Structures are given as structure tokens and as C-alpha cells.
Amino acid sequence: MMDRLGYPEIMESPQMDPLSIVSIALGILSWCMGCCIGVVFSLAAVIVLPFSIAGLVLGIVSARRIQAEPEMYNGMPLAVVGIVINGLQLLSMLLLAVVFAMAIVGVVAIPMLEGTF
């Protein structure tokens, strides 16, 4: 294609979507914080949960933006990996919360059922 002066038009290549990179970074950060803090403190979900949710939302926004404007943005594999990492982190935190809830119910309910409370 030619511009108005007759020179060939320079086509810019799509740039990497920065939201996909941030999504992966938040996913890695939440996994590291969850593994390091979660072993020591039971309140790791309060600290890690915002990072995982933000990473998941940014990954989804990035994937939609890349699909909507493929001539402007690329990086769909990074967005998908960010969605998967943050989704798995959220699922693991949910599983951890269920296990803690079952443990608390077990500690409280079993003595009550046995009459030793």
C-alpha cells in the first residue's frame, strides 16, 4: 500500500500485550507467596487472593483485547498461561480453605458429639 505521497506504507508489527505479562507475573508472585507464606501462616489467602484475582482478571482482559485487535496486540499464549496459573492458584486456595474449615469443624464438632466439650 502507498501513502498519500507515493511511498510504501510502513506496517507496524503487533506489540506484546503488557497485560498478559503482568498476568503471568502476578500468577508467579501469588504461587511463590502462597507456598512461602502459606506454610507459616494460615492467613495466606488474605494476602495471596488479591494477587490471584487481579492476575486472572488481567489475563482475561488481555485475551479479549488480543482477540479483538490482533493487528495491534499479540501474546495470546502468555494471556492463557496467566489465566491458567492464576486459576489454579485460586482453586488451590479454595481447596485449602475447605480443608481448614473441615479441620475446624472436626475439632469443634467431635468433642461436642462425644459429650466431652
C-alpha atoms as a PDB file:
ATOM      1  CA  MET A   1       0.000   0.000   0.000  1.00  0.00           C
ATOM      2  CA  MET A   2       1.107   3.538  -0.689  1.00  0.00           C
ATOM      3  CA  ASP A   3       0.676   6.596   1.441  1.00  0.00           C
ATOM      4  CA  ARG A   4      -0.522   9.927   0.018  1.00  0.00           C
ATOM      5  CA  LEU A   5       2.997  10.870  -1.141  1.00  0.00           C
ATOM      6  CA  GLY A   6       3.520   7.615  -3.038  1.00  0.00           C
ATOM      7  CA  TYR A   7       5.885   5.976  -0.567  1.00  0.00           C
ATOM      8  CA  PRO A   8       5.238   2.438   0.656  1.00  0.00           C
ATOM      9  CA  GLU A   9       3.276   2.439   3.883  1.00  0.00           C
ATOM     10  CA  ILE A  10       5.210   1.021   6.819  1.00  0.00           C
ATOM     11  CA  MET A  11       3.213  -1.626   8.612  1.00  0.00           C
ATOM     12  CA  GLU A  12       3.912  -1.908  12.303  1.00  0.00           C
ATOM     13  CA  SER A  13       4.011  -5.384  13.762  1.00  0.00           C
ATOM     14  CA  PRO A  14       1.693  -6.130  16.680  1.00  0.00           C
ATOM     15  CA  GLN A  15       3.154  -5.433  20.084  1.00  0.00           C
ATOM     16  CA  MET A  16       3.103  -7.744  23.061  1.00  0.00           C
ATOM     17  CA  ASP A  17       0.127  -7.005  25.269  1.00  0.00           C
ATOM     18  CA  PRO A  18       1.545  -5.804  28.596  1.00  0.00           C
ATOM     19  CA  LEU A  19      -1.486  -7.083  30.494  1.00  0.00           C
ATOM     20  CA  SER A  20      -0.592 -10.675  29.593  1.00  0.00           C
ATOM     21  CA  ILE A  21       2.902 -10.201  31.006  1.00  0.00           C
ATOM     22  CA  VAL A  22       1.525  -8.645  34.199  1.00  0.00           C
ATOM     23  CA  SER A  23      -0.950 -11.528  34.500  1.00  0.00           C
ATOM     24  CA  ILE A  24       1.854 -14.098  34.416  1.00  0.00           C
ATOM     25  CA  ALA A  25       3.953 -12.045  36.834  1.00  0.00           C
ATOM     26  CA  LEU A  26       1.072 -11.852  39.317  1.00  0.00           C
ATOM     27  CA  GLY A  27       0.474 -15.587  38.941  1.00  0.00           C
ATOM     28  CA  ILE A  28       4.097 -16.436  39.676  1.00  0.00           C
ATOM     29  CA  LEU A  29       4.131 -13.969  42.577  1.00  0.00           C
ATOM     30  CA  SER A  30       0.959 -15.435  44.067  1.00  0.00           C
ATOM     31  CA  TRP A  31       2.308 -19.003  43.801  1.00  0.00           C
ATOM     32  CA  CYS A  32       5.580 -18.006  45.472  1.00  0.00           C
ATOM     33  CA  MET A  33       3.781 -16.097  48.209  1.00  0.00           C
ATOM     34  CA  GLY A  34       1.275 -18.907  48.684  1.00  0.00           C
ATOM     35  CA  CYS A  35       3.977 -21.527  49.050  1.00  0.00           C
ATOM     36  CA  CYS A  36       6.240 -19.469  51.306  1.00  0.00           C
ATOM     37  CA  ILE A  37       3.634 -17.719  53.439  1.00  0.00           C
ATOM     38  CA  GLY A  38       1.014 -20.466  53.358  1.00  0.00           C
ATOM     39  CA  VAL A  39       3.275 -22.910  55.151  1.00  0.00           C
ATOM     40  CA  VAL A  40       3.880 -20.480  58.004  1.00  0.00           C
ATOM     41  CA  PHE A  41       0.623 -18.545  58.255  1.00  0.00           C
ATOM     42  CA  SER A  42      -2.907 -19.787  57.802  1.00  0.00           C
ATOM     43  CA  LEU A  43      -3.995 -16.343  56.613  1.00  0.00           C
ATOM     44  CA  ALA A  44      -2.122 -16.647  53.329  1.00  0.00           C
ATOM     45  CA  ALA A  45      -5.393 -16.482  51.424  1.00  0.00           C
ATOM     46  CA  VAL A  46      -5.951 -12.916  52.598  1.00  0.00           C
ATOM     47  CA  ILE A  47      -2.543 -11.911  51.249  1.00  0.00           C
ATOM     48  CA  VAL A  48      -2.444 -14.031  48.082  1.00  0.00           C
ATOM     49  CA  LEU A  49      -6.079 -13.819  46.988  1.00  0.00           C
ATOM     50  CA  PRO A  50      -5.964 -10.226  45.627  1.00  0.00           C
ATOM     51  CA  PHE A  51      -2.905 -11.034  43.503  1.00  0.00           C
ATOM     52  CA  SER A  52      -4.553 -14.140  42.041  1.00  0.00           C
ATOM     53  CA  ILE A  53      -7.827 -12.391  41.305  1.00  0.00           C
ATOM     54  CA  ALA A  54      -6.055  -9.428  39.708  1.00  0.00           C
ATOM     55  CA  GLY A  55      -3.892 -11.758  37.599  1.00  0.00           C
ATOM     56  CA  LEU A  56      -6.915 -13.754  36.458  1.00  0.00           C
ATOM     57  CA  VAL A  57      -8.864 -10.617  35.519  1.00  0.00           C
ATOM     58  CA  LEU A  58      -5.880  -9.124  33.670  1.00  0.00           C
ATOM     59  CA  GLY A  59      -5.331 -12.398  31.789  1.00  0.00           C
ATOM     60  CA  ILE A  60      -8.959 -12.490  30.666  1.00  0.00           C
ATOM     61  CA  VAL A  61      -8.923  -8.803  29.672  1.00  0.00           C
ATOM     62  CA  SER A  62      -5.679  -9.354  27.767  1.00  0.00           C
ATOM     63  CA  ALA A  63      -7.038 -12.394  25.910  1.00  0.00           C
ATOM     64  CA  ARG A  64     -10.165 -10.491  24.890  1.00  0.00           C
ATOM     65  CA  ARG A  65      -8.131  -7.496  23.781  1.00  0.00           C
ATOM     66  CA  ILE A  66      -5.789  -9.677  21.719  1.00  0.00           C
ATOM     67  CA  GLN A  67      -8.764 -11.399  20.066  1.00  0.00           C
ATOM     68  CA  ALA A  68     -10.475  -8.080  19.364  1.00  0.00           C
ATOM     69  CA  GLU A  69      -7.384  -6.354  17.945  1.00  0.00           C
ATOM     70  CA  PRO A  70      -4.972  -8.977  16.532  1.00  0.00           C
ATOM     71  CA  GLU A  71      -3.321  -6.398  14.267  1.00  0.00           C
ATOM     72  CA  MET A  72      -2.368  -4.327  17.297  1.00  0.00           C
ATOM     73  CA  TYR A  73      -1.611  -6.870  20.042  1.00  0.00           C
ATOM     74  CA  ASN A  74      -0.137 -10.357  20.267  1.00  0.00           C
ATOM     75  CA  GLY A  75       0.754 -12.588  23.196  1.00  0.00           C
ATOM     76  CA  MET A  76      -2.249 -14.890  23.427  1.00  0.00           C
ATOM     77  CA  PRO A  77      -0.135 -17.793  24.807  1.00  0.00           C
ATOM     78  CA  LEU A  78       1.054 -15.549  27.636  1.00  0.00           C
ATOM     79  CA  ALA A  79      -2.509 -14.494  28.425  1.00  0.00           C
ATOM     80  CA  VAL A  80      -3.668 -18.121  28.502  1.00  0.00           C
ATOM     81  CA  VAL A  81      -0.783 -19.137  30.767  1.00  0.00           C
ATOM     82  CA  GLY A  82      -1.611 -16.224  33.088  1.00  0.00           C
ATOM     83  CA  ILE A  83      -5.249 -17.329  33.225  1.00  0.00           C
ATOM     84  CA  VAL A  84      -4.262 -20.937  33.967  1.00  0.00           C
ATOM     85  CA  ILE A  85      -1.671 -20.072  36.642  1.00  0.00           C
ATOM     86  CA  ASN A  86      -3.988 -17.686  38.486  1.00  0.00           C
ATOM     87  CA  GLY A  87      -6.976 -20.002  38.114  1.00  0.00           C
ATOM     88  CA  LEU A  88      -5.034 -22.898  39.594  1.00  0.00           C
ATOM     89  CA  GLN A  89      -3.877 -20.688  42.450  1.00  0.00           C
ATOM     90  CA  LEU A  90      -7.467 -19.674  43.195  1.00  0.00           C
ATOM     91  CA  LEU A  91      -8.582 -23.314  43.106  1.00  0.00           C
ATOM     92  CA  SER A  92      -5.766 -24.343  45.443  1.00  0.00           C
ATOM     93  CA  MET A  93      -6.674 -21.548  47.869  1.00  0.00           C
ATOM     94  CA  LEU A  94     -10.316 -22.676  47.758  1.00  0.00           C
ATOM     95  CA  LEU A  95      -9.254 -26.258  48.465  1.00  0.00           C
ATOM     96  CA  LEU A  96      -7.071 -25.041  51.324  1.00  0.00           C
ATOM     97  CA  ALA A  97      -9.987 -23.080  52.780  1.00  0.00           C
ATOM     98  CA  VAL A  98     -12.228 -26.167  52.596  1.00  0.00           C
ATOM     99  CA  VAL A  99      -9.586 -28.298  54.338  1.00  0.00           C
ATOM    100  CA  PHE A 100      -9.152 -25.687  57.096  1.00  0.00           C
ATOM    101  CA  ALA A 101     -12.928 -25.420  57.526  1.00  0.00           C
ATOM    102  CA  MET A 102     -13.230 -29.205  57.793  1.00  0.00           C
ATOM    103  CA  ALA A 103     -10.422 -29.275  60.356  1.00  0.00           C
ATOM    104  CA  ILE A 104     -12.054 -26.570  62.450  1.00  0.00           C
ATOM    105  CA  VAL A 105     -15.433 -28.303  62.286  1.00  0.00           C
ATOM    106  CA  GLY A 106     -13.749 -31.570  63.246  1.00  0.00           C
ATOM    107  CA  VAL A 107     -12.000 -30.022  66.226  1.00  0.00           C
ATOM    108  CA  VAL A 108     -15.193 -28.380  67.465  1.00  0.00           C
ATOM    109  CA  ALA A 109     -17.846 -30.943  66.479  1.00  0.00           C
ATOM    110  CA  ILE A 110     -16.219 -34.222  67.513  1.00  0.00           C
ATOM    111  CA  PRO A 111     -15.865 -33.308  71.220  1.00  0.00           C
ATOM    112  CA  MET A 112     -19.429 -31.986  71.190  1.00  0.00           C
ATOM    113  CA  LEU A 113     -20.723 -35.262  69.735  1.00  0.00           C
ATOM    114  CA  GLU A 114     -18.758 -37.301  72.260  1.00  0.00           C
ATOM    115  CA  GLY A 115     -20.004 -35.177  75.131  1.00  0.00           C
ATOM    116  CA  THR A 116     -16.526 -34.097  76.267  1.00  0.00           C
ATOM    117  CA  PHE A 117     -16.919 -30.473  75.303  1.00  0.00           C
END
